[in-house]
Amino acid sequence: MRNIELAIKIMNLFPTDSIYLVGGSSRDYLLTGDFKDFDFATPLTPDEIISLLNVDTYDEFAYKFGTVKTKIFNQEIEITSFRKESNYTDNRHPNEVIFIDDIKEDAKRRDFTINAIYLDKDLKVHDFYNGISDLKSKTIRMIGNPYTRLKEDPLRIVRALRFSLALEFNLDKDLEESISSLKDEIKKISSFRIQSEIKKMLKTNSKEEIKATFKKHNLEIDF
């Protein structure tokens, strides 16, 4: 069974218009026709998701932030409830997560436009921030003000570079300028989070390519 067929099978467990393939899953499917991670979004709450899927085992830490990480049909999946997020005073986690049922509002809190494209079980595209256009132009663009979004969670700087390298996309001019202005914010990120991103980068790019990219943006990162 192809991954998209399995994803639709999972979505068919949910009521109509209540679950969407999103993030890297929808992005990679639209780019290549395939994807690896099974990431979904839903207006249902975590408790409603768990009840509907009738699962006993899930990641309790992710659950606190509105994501049900579990296994269904022998496949690891993540289903995140639509939500709004408050300020990031620790530069990592939102102070408060508020569950909502507005898909556009959920898309607004995501990082980049290409990661905020939703596919329903009929593979109809729901694109509120021109992610499809940016896929076509091979552009990494932040949703909202890039300076503000990077400052609230500086790891987005590293993520922007990771997607740019892996997909061979260019950074939007405003995003690139914001990264330059906030390069010192990298120091606020734990080494664990940075190394986790670097491990992902090493799956698609060489150590030399990664170092050259960080150097290009005047970012100091320890490997």
C-alpha atoms as a PDB file:
ATOM      1  CA  MET A   1       0.000   0.000   0.000  1.00  0.00           C
ATOM      2  CA  ARG A   2       1.337   3.441  -0.958  1.00  0.00           C
ATOM      3  CA  ASN A   3       1.782   5.944   1.857  1.00  0.00           C
ATOM      4  CA  ILE A   4      -0.926   8.225   0.494  1.00  0.00           C
ATOM      5  CA  GLU A   5      -3.353   5.303   0.387  1.00  0.00           C
ATOM      6  CA  LEU A   6      -2.557   4.465   4.011  1.00  0.00           C
ATOM      7  CA  ALA A   7      -2.963   8.120   4.976  1.00  0.00           C
ATOM      8  CA  ILE A   8      -6.411   8.203   3.368  1.00  0.00           C
ATOM      9  CA  LYS A   9      -7.298   4.970   5.163  1.00  0.00           C
ATOM     10  CA  ILE A  10      -6.403   6.634   8.458  1.00  0.00           C
ATOM     11  CA  MET A  11      -8.334   9.799   7.570  1.00  0.00           C
ATOM     12  CA  ASN A  12     -11.379   7.699   6.717  1.00  0.00           C
ATOM     13  CA  LEU A  13     -11.551   6.742  10.406  1.00  0.00           C
ATOM     14  CA  PHE A  14     -12.525  10.348  11.109  1.00  0.00           C
ATOM     15  CA  PRO A  15     -15.754  12.231  10.326  1.00  0.00           C
ATOM     16  CA  THR A  16     -15.820  14.255   7.098  1.00  0.00           C
ATOM     17  CA  ASP A  17     -13.856  17.529   7.217  1.00  0.00           C
ATOM     18  CA  SER A  18     -12.254  16.641  10.531  1.00  0.00           C
ATOM     19  CA  ILE A  19      -8.711  15.585   9.578  1.00  0.00           C
ATOM     20  CA  TYR A  20      -6.068  16.740   7.121  1.00  0.00           C
ATOM     21  CA  LEU A  21      -2.627  15.659   5.966  1.00  0.00           C
ATOM     22  CA  VAL A  22      -0.314  18.589   6.706  1.00  0.00           C
ATOM     23  CA  GLY A  23       3.256  19.793   7.193  1.00  0.00           C
ATOM     24  CA  GLY A  24       6.053  17.801   5.603  1.00  0.00           C
ATOM     25  CA  SER A  25       3.608  15.073   4.616  1.00  0.00           C
ATOM     26  CA  SER A  26       1.472  17.243   2.340  1.00  0.00           C
ATOM     27  CA  ARG A  27       4.456  19.288   1.184  1.00  0.00           C
ATOM     28  CA  ASP A  28       6.470  16.260   0.093  1.00  0.00           C
ATOM     29  CA  TYR A  29       3.449  14.578  -1.453  1.00  0.00           C
ATOM     30  CA  LEU A  30       2.769  17.632  -3.604  1.00  0.00           C
ATOM     31  CA  LEU A  31       6.452  17.883  -4.551  1.00  0.00           C
ATOM     32  CA  THR A  32       7.267  14.232  -5.189  1.00  0.00           C
ATOM     33  CA  GLY A  33       4.102  12.147  -4.929  1.00  0.00           C
ATOM     34  CA  ASP A  34       5.346  10.483  -1.746  1.00  0.00           C
ATOM     35  CA  PHE A  35       6.240  11.251   1.890  1.00  0.00           C
ATOM     36  CA  LYS A  36       7.728   9.533   4.953  1.00  0.00           C
ATOM     37  CA  ASP A  37       6.178  11.053   8.085  1.00  0.00           C
ATOM     38  CA  PHE A  38       2.456  10.765   8.724  1.00  0.00           C
ATOM     39  CA  ASP A  39       1.465  14.183  10.092  1.00  0.00           C
ATOM     40  CA  PHE A  40      -2.177  15.176  10.439  1.00  0.00           C
ATOM     41  CA  ALA A  41      -4.172  18.102  11.824  1.00  0.00           C
ATOM     42  CA  THR A  42      -7.723  18.056  13.173  1.00  0.00           C
ATOM     43  CA  PRO A  43     -10.272  20.283  14.926  1.00  0.00           C
ATOM     44  CA  LEU A  44     -10.826  17.421  17.385  1.00  0.00           C
ATOM     45  CA  THR A  45      -9.184  17.625  20.823  1.00  0.00           C
ATOM     46  CA  PRO A  46      -6.486  15.128  21.869  1.00  0.00           C
ATOM     47  CA  ASP A  47      -8.996  13.309  24.091  1.00  0.00           C
ATOM     48  CA  GLU A  48     -11.436  13.028  21.196  1.00  0.00           C
ATOM     49  CA  ILE A  49      -8.677  11.691  18.935  1.00  0.00           C
ATOM     50  CA  ILE A  50      -7.654   9.052  21.469  1.00  0.00           C
ATOM     51  CA  SER A  51     -11.270   8.017  21.994  1.00  0.00           C
ATOM     52  CA  LEU A  52     -12.007   7.829  18.271  1.00  0.00           C
ATOM     53  CA  LEU A  53      -8.901   5.755  17.513  1.00  0.00           C
ATOM     54  CA  ASN A  54      -9.380   3.688  20.668  1.00  0.00           C
ATOM     55  CA  VAL A  55      -5.645   3.697  21.469  1.00  0.00           C
ATOM     56  CA  ASP A  56      -4.123   3.112  24.884  1.00  0.00           C
ATOM     57  CA  THR A  57      -0.513   3.984  24.090  1.00  0.00           C
ATOM     58  CA  TYR A  58       0.601   7.471  23.070  1.00  0.00           C
ATOM     59  CA  ASP A  59       3.333   9.996  23.835  1.00  0.00           C
ATOM     60  CA  GLU A  60       2.213  11.765  27.022  1.00  0.00           C
ATOM     61  CA  PHE A  61       4.615  14.704  26.594  1.00  0.00           C
ATOM     62  CA  ALA A  62       3.372  15.476  23.063  1.00  0.00           C
ATOM     63  CA  TYR A  63      -0.200  15.115  24.366  1.00  0.00           C
ATOM     64  CA  LYS A  64       0.366  18.103  26.687  1.00  0.00           C
ATOM     65  CA  PHE A  65       0.932  20.305  23.640  1.00  0.00           C
ATOM     66  CA  GLY A  66      -2.007  19.003  21.643  1.00  0.00           C
ATOM     67  CA  THR A  67      -0.402  16.203  19.624  1.00  0.00           C
ATOM     68  CA  VAL A  68      -1.338  12.535  19.732  1.00  0.00           C
ATOM     69  CA  LYS A  69       1.703  10.468  18.736  1.00  0.00           C
ATOM     70  CA  THR A  70       0.688   6.853  18.449  1.00  0.00           C
ATOM     71  CA  LYS A  71       0.619   3.863  16.099  1.00  0.00           C
ATOM     72  CA  ILE A  72      -2.287   2.826  13.890  1.00  0.00           C
ATOM     73  CA  PHE A  73      -2.295   0.150  11.180  1.00  0.00           C
ATOM     74  CA  ASN A  74       1.299  -0.561  12.232  1.00  0.00           C
ATOM     75  CA  GLN A  75       2.317   2.996  11.303  1.00  0.00           C
ATOM     76  CA  GLU A  76       3.672   5.728  13.584  1.00  0.00           C
ATOM     77  CA  ILE A  77       1.510   8.838  13.203  1.00  0.00           C
ATOM     78  CA  GLU A  78       1.127  12.305  14.703  1.00  0.00           C
ATOM     79  CA  ILE A  79      -2.244  14.033  14.875  1.00  0.00           C
ATOM     80  CA  THR A  80      -2.211  17.607  16.168  1.00  0.00           C
ATOM     81  CA  SER A  81      -5.316  19.484  17.268  1.00  0.00           C
ATOM     82  CA  PHE A  82      -5.999  22.852  15.648  1.00  0.00           C
ATOM     83  CA  ARG A  83      -4.699  25.438  18.078  1.00  0.00           C
ATOM     84  CA  LYS A  84      -3.610  28.959  18.855  1.00  0.00           C
ATOM     85  CA  GLU A  85      -0.384  29.555  20.724  1.00  0.00           C
ATOM     86  CA  SER A  86       0.550  32.330  23.147  1.00  0.00           C
ATOM     87  CA  ASN A  87       3.977  33.921  23.660  1.00  0.00           C
ATOM     88  CA  TYR A  88       7.161  31.823  23.762  1.00  0.00           C
ATOM     89  CA  THR A  89       8.901  33.175  26.864  1.00  0.00           C
ATOM     90  CA  ASP A  90      11.287  30.194  26.974  1.00  0.00           C
ATOM     91  CA  ASN A  91      12.106  30.463  23.232  1.00  0.00           C
ATOM     92  CA  ARG A  92      10.783  26.955  22.788  1.00  0.00           C
ATOM     93  CA  HIS A  93       7.275  26.209  24.061  1.00  0.00           C
ATOM     94  CA  PRO A  94       4.186  28.445  23.885  1.00  0.00           C
ATOM     95  CA  ASN A  95       3.021  29.682  27.292  1.00  0.00           C
ATOM     96  CA  GLU A  96      -0.469  28.472  26.513  1.00  0.00           C
ATOM     97  CA  VAL A  97      -2.103  26.253  23.913  1.00  0.00           C
ATOM     98  CA  ILE A  98      -5.749  26.982  23.090  1.00  0.00           C
ATOM     99  CA  PHE A  99      -7.637  24.393  21.038  1.00  0.00           C
ATOM    100  CA  ILE A 100      -9.737  25.845  18.212  1.00  0.00           C
ATOM    101  CA  ASP A 101     -11.788  24.610  15.253  1.00  0.00           C
ATOM    102  CA  ASP A 102     -10.618  27.183  12.678  1.00  0.00           C
ATOM    103  CA  ILE A 103      -8.287  25.629  10.093  1.00  0.00           C
ATOM    104  CA  LYS A 104      -7.045  28.998   8.812  1.00  0.00           C
ATOM    105  CA  GLU A 105      -6.146  30.102  12.328  1.00  0.00           C
ATOM    106  CA  ASP A 106      -4.302  26.818  12.854  1.00  0.00           C
ATOM    107  CA  ALA A 107      -2.342  27.394   9.634  1.00  0.00           C
ATOM    108  CA  LYS A 108      -1.393  30.861  10.848  1.00  0.00           C
ATOM    109  CA  ARG A 109       0.666  29.545  13.773  1.00  0.00           C
ATOM    110  CA  ARG A 110       2.769  27.230  11.552  1.00  0.00           C
ATOM    111  CA  ASP A 111       6.267  28.291  10.566  1.00  0.00           C
ATOM    112  CA  PHE A 112       6.634  28.367   6.775  1.00  0.00           C
ATOM    113  CA  THR A 113       4.043  28.649   4.027  1.00  0.00           C
ATOM    114  CA  ILE A 114       5.129  25.368   2.417  1.00  0.00           C
ATOM    115  CA  ASN A 115       4.434  23.596   5.731  1.00  0.00           C
ATOM    116  CA  ALA A 116       0.915  25.017   6.049  1.00  0.00           C
ATOM    117  CA  ILE A 117      -0.767  23.240   3.133  1.00  0.00           C
ATOM    118  CA  TYR A 118      -3.627  20.958   4.167  1.00  0.00           C
ATOM    119  CA  LEU A 119      -4.912  17.983   2.159  1.00  0.00           C
ATOM    120  CA  ASP A 120      -8.268  16.417   3.011  1.00  0.00           C
ATOM    121  CA  LYS A 121      -9.187  12.767   2.437  1.00  0.00           C
ATOM    122  CA  ASP A 122     -10.219  13.611  -1.146  1.00  0.00           C
ATOM    123  CA  LEU A 123      -6.771  15.210  -1.653  1.00  0.00           C
ATOM    124  CA  LYS A 124      -8.360  18.628  -2.054  1.00  0.00           C
ATOM    125  CA  VAL A 125      -5.822  21.358  -1.254  1.00  0.00           C
ATOM    126  CA  HIS A 126      -6.516  23.940   1.482  1.00  0.00           C
ATOM    127  CA  ASP A 127      -3.841  26.625   1.154  1.00  0.00           C
ATOM    128  CA  PHE A 128      -4.315  29.886   3.090  1.00  0.00           C
ATOM    129  CA  TYR A 129      -0.829  31.415   2.851  1.00  0.00           C
ATOM    130  CA  ASN A 130       0.202  30.759  -0.762  1.00  0.00           C
ATOM    131  CA  GLY A 131       2.242  27.667   0.037  1.00  0.00           C
ATOM    132  CA  ILE A 132       1.572  26.177  -3.401  1.00  0.00           C
ATOM    133  CA  SER A 133       2.953  29.317  -5.048  1.00  0.00           C
ATOM    134  CA  ASP A 134       6.086  29.088  -2.897  1.00  0.00           C
ATOM    135  CA  LEU A 135       6.508  25.404  -3.757  1.00  0.00           C
ATOM    136  CA  LYS A 136       6.426  26.348  -7.432  1.00  0.00           C
ATOM    137  CA  SER A 137       8.892  29.215  -6.996  1.00  0.00           C
ATOM    138  CA  LYS A 138      11.071  27.128  -4.632  1.00  0.00           C
ATOM    139  CA  THR A 139      10.883  29.700  -1.840  1.00  0.00           C
ATOM    140  CA  ILE A 140      11.087  29.327   1.937  1.00  0.00           C
ATOM    141  CA  ARG A 141       8.798  32.046   3.309  1.00  0.00           C
ATOM    142  CA  MET A 142       7.732  32.626   6.905  1.00  0.00           C
ATOM    143  CA  ILE A 143       4.070  32.964   7.805  1.00  0.00           C
ATOM    144  CA  GLY A 144       3.692  36.373   9.423  1.00  0.00           C
ATOM    145  CA  ASN A 145       6.517  38.754  10.303  1.00  0.00           C
ATOM    146  CA  PRO A 146       9.744  36.719  10.017  1.00  0.00           C
ATOM    147  CA  TYR A 147      11.606  38.800  12.608  1.00  0.00           C
ATOM    148  CA  THR A 148       8.863  38.253  15.190  1.00  0.00           C
ATOM    149  CA  ARG A 149       8.407  34.565  14.387  1.00  0.00           C
ATOM    150  CA  LEU A 150      12.142  33.802  14.516  1.00  0.00           C
ATOM    151  CA  LYS A 151      12.606  35.694  17.765  1.00  0.00           C
ATOM    152  CA  GLU A 152       9.819  33.781  19.522  1.00  0.00           C
ATOM    153  CA  ASP A 153      11.528  30.489  18.617  1.00  0.00           C
ATOM    154  CA  PRO A 154      15.075  30.882  17.195  1.00  0.00           C
ATOM    155  CA  LEU A 155      15.189  27.203  16.203  1.00  0.00           C
ATOM    156  CA  ARG A 156      13.144  28.307  13.193  1.00  0.00           C
ATOM    157  CA  ILE A 157      16.370  29.837  11.874  1.00  0.00           C
ATOM    158  CA  VAL A 158      17.951  26.385  11.733  1.00  0.00           C
ATOM    159  CA  ARG A 159      14.769  24.856  10.334  1.00  0.00           C
ATOM    160  CA  ALA A 160      14.677  27.451   7.557  1.00  0.00           C
ATOM    161  CA  LEU A 161      18.217  26.513   6.556  1.00  0.00           C
ATOM    162  CA  ARG A 162      17.405  22.794   6.789  1.00  0.00           C
ATOM    163  CA  PHE A 163      14.458  23.074   4.411  1.00  0.00           C
ATOM    164  CA  SER A 164      16.432  25.339   2.090  1.00  0.00           C
ATOM    165  CA  LEU A 165      19.222  22.758   1.856  1.00  0.00           C
ATOM    166  CA  ALA A 166      17.071  19.647   1.655  1.00  0.00           C
ATOM    167  CA  LEU A 167      14.638  21.026  -0.921  1.00  0.00           C
ATOM    168  CA  GLU A 168      17.142  23.236  -2.751  1.00  0.00           C
ATOM    169  CA  PHE A 169      14.866  26.237  -2.182  1.00  0.00           C
ATOM    170  CA  ASN A 170      15.857  29.882  -1.725  1.00  0.00           C
ATOM    171  CA  LEU A 171      15.080  31.898   1.388  1.00  0.00           C
ATOM    172  CA  ASP A 172      12.620  34.759   0.976  1.00  0.00           C
ATOM    173  CA  LYS A 173      14.447  38.103   1.163  1.00  0.00           C
ATOM    174  CA  ASP A 174      12.657  39.226   4.358  1.00  0.00           C
ATOM    175  CA  LEU A 175      13.372  35.883   6.008  1.00  0.00           C
ATOM    176  CA  GLU A 176      17.041  36.045   5.020  1.00  0.00           C
ATOM    177  CA  GLU A 177      17.388  39.581   6.403  1.00  0.00           C
ATOM    178  CA  SER A 178      15.695  38.566   9.660  1.00  0.00           C
ATOM    179  CA  ILE A 179      18.047  35.607  10.070  1.00  0.00           C
ATOM    180  CA  SER A 180      20.987  37.977   9.657  1.00  0.00           C
ATOM    181  CA  SER A 181      19.567  40.373  12.254  1.00  0.00           C
ATOM    182  CA  LEU A 182      18.844  37.600  14.761  1.00  0.00           C
ATOM    183  CA  LYS A 183      21.900  35.388  14.292  1.00  0.00           C
ATOM    184  CA  ASP A 184      22.884  35.779  17.966  1.00  0.00           C
ATOM    185  CA  GLU A 185      19.513  34.320  19.031  1.00  0.00           C
ATOM    186  CA  ILE A 186      20.964  30.922  18.101  1.00  0.00           C
ATOM    187  CA  LYS A 187      22.820  31.008  21.423  1.00  0.00           C
ATOM    188  CA  LYS A 188      19.480  30.687  23.242  1.00  0.00           C
ATOM    189  CA  ILE A 189      18.766  27.284  21.699  1.00  0.00           C
ATOM    190  CA  SER A 190      19.768  24.161  23.592  1.00  0.00           C
ATOM    191  CA  SER A 191      22.487  22.057  21.969  1.00  0.00           C
ATOM    192  CA  PHE A 192      20.081  19.101  22.022  1.00  0.00           C
ATOM    193  CA  ARG A 193      17.563  20.894  19.785  1.00  0.00           C
ATOM    194  CA  ILE A 194      20.269  22.095  17.403  1.00  0.00           C
ATOM    195  CA  GLN A 195      21.874  18.668  17.152  1.00  0.00           C
ATOM    196  CA  SER A 196      18.464  17.141  16.488  1.00  0.00           C
ATOM    197  CA  GLU A 197      18.045  19.475  13.488  1.00  0.00           C
ATOM    198  CA  ILE A 198      21.579  18.792  12.273  1.00  0.00           C
ATOM    199  CA  LYS A 199      20.924  15.045  12.347  1.00  0.00           C
ATOM    200  CA  LYS A 200      17.961  15.635  10.067  1.00  0.00           C
ATOM    201  CA  MET A 201      20.105  17.789   7.793  1.00  0.00           C
ATOM    202  CA  LEU A 202      22.738  15.067   7.535  1.00  0.00           C
ATOM    203  CA  LYS A 203      20.125  12.740   6.039  1.00  0.00           C
ATOM    204  CA  THR A 204      19.992  14.883   2.898  1.00  0.00           C
ATOM    205  CA  ASN A 205      23.200  16.934   2.875  1.00  0.00           C
ATOM    206  CA  SER A 206      26.887  16.522   3.629  1.00  0.00           C
ATOM    207  CA  LYS A 207      28.608  17.999   6.665  1.00  0.00           C
ATOM    208  CA  GLU A 208      30.539  20.338   4.362  1.00  0.00           C
ATOM    209  CA  GLU A 209      27.352  21.634   2.722  1.00  0.00           C
ATOM    210  CA  ILE A 210      25.759  22.275   6.105  1.00  0.00           C
ATOM    211  CA  LYS A 211      28.825  24.109   7.450  1.00  0.00           C
ATOM    212  CA  ALA A 212      28.996  26.240   4.292  1.00  0.00           C
ATOM    213  CA  THR A 213      25.318  27.207   4.666  1.00  0.00           C
ATOM    214  CA  PHE A 214      25.734  28.247   8.295  1.00  0.00           C
ATOM    215  CA  LYS A 215      28.881  30.182   7.402  1.00  0.00           C
ATOM    216  CA  LYS A 216      27.068  31.952   4.553  1.00  0.00           C
ATOM    217  CA  HIS A 217      24.596  33.334   7.095  1.00  0.00           C
ATOM    218  CA  ASN A 218      27.304  34.111   9.686  1.00  0.00           C
ATOM    219  CA  LEU A 219      25.921  31.522  12.092  1.00  0.00           C
ATOM    220  CA  GLU A 220      28.197  29.694  14.510  1.00  0.00           C
ATOM    221  CA  ILE A 221      27.093  26.109  15.074  1.00  0.00           C
ATOM    222  CA  ASP A 222      29.052  23.293  16.730  1.00  0.00           C
ATOM    223  CA  PHE A 223      28.789  19.886  15.072  1.00  0.00           C
END
